[in-house]
Protein backbone atom coordinates (compact mmCIF):
# COMPACT_ATOMS: atom_id res chain seq x y z
CA MET A 1 0.00 0.00 0.00
CA HIS A 2 1.30 3.44 -0.92
CA THR A 3 0.64 6.60 1.04
CA VAL A 4 0.15 10.06 -0.49
CA VAL A 5 0.65 13.25 1.51
CA GLU A 6 -0.87 16.28 -0.22
CA ARG A 7 -1.37 19.93 0.56
CA GLU A 8 -3.07 22.61 -1.49
CA LEU A 9 -1.85 26.13 -0.96
CA GLU A 10 -1.46 29.43 -2.68
CA LEU A 11 2.02 30.43 -3.77
CA LYS A 12 3.07 33.79 -5.15
CA LEU A 13 4.72 34.09 -8.53
CA VAL A 14 7.18 36.93 -8.03
CA LEU A 15 7.20 39.17 -11.11
CA SER A 16 9.25 42.00 -9.58
CA PRO A 17 10.15 43.17 -6.07
CA GLU A 18 6.88 45.15 -6.02
CA ARG A 19 4.57 42.76 -7.85
CA SER A 20 3.48 39.15 -7.52
CA ILE A 21 0.45 37.13 -8.53
CA PRO A 22 -1.21 34.25 -6.67
CA VAL A 23 -0.73 30.75 -8.07
CA PRO A 24 -2.77 27.84 -6.69
CA ALA A 25 -0.54 24.82 -6.16
CA LYS A 26 -0.65 21.31 -4.82
CA LEU A 27 2.27 19.68 -3.02
CA SER A 28 2.36 15.89 -3.28
CA TYR A 29 4.57 13.27 -1.71
CA ARG A 30 4.16 9.57 -2.51
CA THR A 31 5.78 6.68 -0.71
CA ASP A 32 6.21 4.89 -4.05
CA ASP A 33 8.53 7.78 -5.08
CA PRO A 34 10.11 8.43 -1.67
CA TYR A 35 12.99 10.66 -2.71
CA ALA A 36 10.85 13.21 -4.57
CA VAL A 37 8.33 15.95 -3.98
CA HIS A 38 5.88 16.92 -6.70
CA ILE A 39 4.41 20.38 -7.14
CA THR A 40 1.55 21.07 -9.51
CA PHE A 41 0.93 24.70 -10.42
CA HIS A 42 -2.46 25.73 -11.77
CA VAL A 43 -1.61 28.72 -13.92
CA GLY A 44 -4.93 29.40 -15.64
CA THR A 45 -4.41 27.03 -18.56
CA ASP A 46 -5.95 23.69 -19.42
CA HIS A 47 -2.70 21.97 -18.51
CA PRO A 48 -1.16 22.42 -15.07
CA VAL A 49 2.60 22.76 -14.75
CA ASN A 50 4.30 19.91 -12.85
CA TRP A 51 7.69 20.00 -11.18
CA THR A 52 9.44 17.14 -9.41
CA PHE A 53 12.60 17.46 -7.38
CA ALA A 54 14.34 15.99 -4.34
CA ARG A 55 12.48 16.15 -1.04
CA GLU A 56 15.85 16.64 0.64
CA LEU A 57 16.34 19.85 -1.38
CA LEU A 58 13.08 21.33 -0.09
CA VAL A 59 13.78 20.20 3.49
CA GLU A 60 17.20 21.85 3.44
CA GLY A 61 15.88 24.94 1.63
CA VAL A 62 13.54 25.72 4.53
CA PHE A 63 16.64 26.34 6.68
CA ARG A 64 19.39 27.56 4.31
CA PRO A 65 20.02 28.29 0.64
CA CYS A 66 20.56 25.14 -1.39
CA GLY A 67 20.37 23.74 -4.87
CA HIS A 68 21.84 24.83 -8.15
CA GLY A 69 20.81 24.53 -11.74
CA ASP A 70 17.10 24.00 -12.37
CA VAL A 71 15.92 24.20 -8.75
CA ARG A 72 17.17 26.51 -6.01
CA VAL A 73 15.45 26.97 -2.64
CA TRP A 74 16.13 29.36 0.24
CA PRO A 75 14.42 30.90 3.28
CA THR A 76 13.86 34.64 3.63
CA LYS A 77 11.47 37.24 5.04
CA SER A 78 8.82 39.04 3.03
CA ALA A 79 6.66 41.74 4.59
CA GLY A 80 7.78 40.46 8.01
CA ARG A 81 6.71 36.85 7.28
CA SER A 82 8.96 33.83 6.95
CA VAL A 83 8.78 32.47 3.42
CA VAL A 84 10.58 29.94 1.26
CA LEU A 85 11.62 31.03 -2.22
CA MET A 86 11.91 28.52 -5.04
CA ALA A 87 13.68 29.50 -8.24
CA LEU A 88 12.73 27.12 -11.05
CA SER A 89 14.43 27.16 -14.45
CA SER A 90 13.47 25.24 -17.57
CA PRO A 91 13.86 25.64 -21.33
CA ASP A 92 10.36 27.19 -21.26
CA GLY A 93 11.35 29.93 -18.83
CA ASP A 94 12.19 30.82 -15.26
CA ALA A 95 9.95 31.37 -12.26
CA LEU A 96 10.48 32.66 -8.75
CA LEU A 97 7.84 31.37 -6.34
CA GLU A 98 7.21 32.38 -2.76
CA ALA A 99 5.64 29.95 -0.31
CA PRO A 100 4.68 30.42 3.36
CA SER A 101 7.37 28.73 5.49
CA ALA A 102 4.91 27.46 8.10
CA GLN A 103 2.74 25.66 5.54
CA ILE A 104 5.73 24.16 3.70
CA SER A 105 7.34 23.05 6.98
CA ALA A 106 4.13 21.48 8.31
CA TRP A 107 3.64 19.53 5.07
CA LEU A 108 7.28 18.41 5.02
CA GLU A 109 6.99 17.21 8.63
CA ARG A 110 4.07 15.01 7.59
CA THR A 111 6.16 13.50 4.78
CA LEU A 112 9.06 12.92 7.17
CA ARG A 113 6.78 11.07 9.60
CA VAL A 114 5.55 8.81 6.79
CA VAL A 115 9.07 8.12 5.45
CA PRO A 116 11.86 9.21 7.82
CA PRO A 117 15.06 10.52 6.20
CA GLY A 118 17.41 7.67 5.37
CA SER A 119 14.64 5.08 5.06
CA GLU A 120 13.59 5.95 1.49
CA ALA A 121 15.31 2.90 -0.05
CA GLU A 122 13.25 0.60 2.16
CA GLN A 123 10.09 1.99 0.53
CA LEU A 124 11.36 0.98 -2.89
CA GLY A 125 12.22 -2.56 -1.81
CA ILE A 126 15.51 -2.40 -3.71
CA ASP A 127 17.34 -4.68 -1.26
CA ASP A 128 14.54 -7.26 -1.35
CA GLY A 129 14.38 -7.09 -5.14
CA LEU A 130 18.13 -7.55 -5.48
CA ALA A 131 18.13 -10.45 -3.04
CA GLU A 132 15.38 -12.15 -5.02
CA LEU A 133 17.11 -11.46 -8.32
CA LEU A 134 20.43 -12.82 -7.09
CA SER A 135 19.14 -15.82 -5.16
CA PRO A 136 19.94 -19.20 -6.74
CA THR A 137 17.18 -21.12 -8.46
CA PRO A 138 17.06 -24.83 -9.48
CA ALA A 139 17.89 -23.80 -13.05
CA ASP A 140 21.19 -22.37 -11.78
CA ASP A 141 22.40 -25.95 -11.18
CA LEU A 142 22.61 -26.38 -14.94
CA TYR A 143 25.21 -23.64 -15.08
CA LEU A 144 27.24 -25.09 -12.25
CA CYS A 145 28.04 -28.31 -14.10
CA ASP A 146 30.22 -28.51 -17.19
CA PRO A 147 27.92 -28.94 -20.21
CA TRP A 148 30.79 -30.02 -22.49
CA PRO A 149 32.64 -33.27 -22.04
CA SER A 150 36.28 -33.04 -21.22
CA ASP A 151 38.80 -33.06 -24.09
CA GLU A 152 40.55 -35.87 -22.30
CA SER A 153 38.85 -39.09 -23.25
CA SER A 154 38.71 -41.91 -20.81
CA SER A 155 40.45 -45.17 -21.54
CA ASP A 156 37.03 -46.89 -21.82
CA GLU A 157 36.18 -44.93 -24.95
CA ARG A 158 39.21 -46.13 -26.97
């Protein structure tokens, strides 16, 4: 059974230091994809915009600047409130999004209770799958014996 932890919230798309617009979003975390967080932005089109990146990046970004490349996250203050900024870059463009720290932190805490840090691999069953894949089967006995007779012929065959 897989667990999903979701949270709908309103982010701000920062257009300039003086101007931002609200963007409805949904945060999702799934135990069948335990290393990732998924954010769906509803930007007034028929097709929402989806982003997926490391949960660890968002967890760290609540406390200190982190990330490079396509996703960067850092905490700051805006109008006296604690917020988390997410800078997202893609071939289609760049976006700077502002999220309330308290809501992001509360949602992340729920995901961390479901799958504690360091236990993500257990959710995927990689160790069990490898053990099953590498365990011997009766057919393996065929490979353990020499299928070709020896070049040395016995004296009975002469």
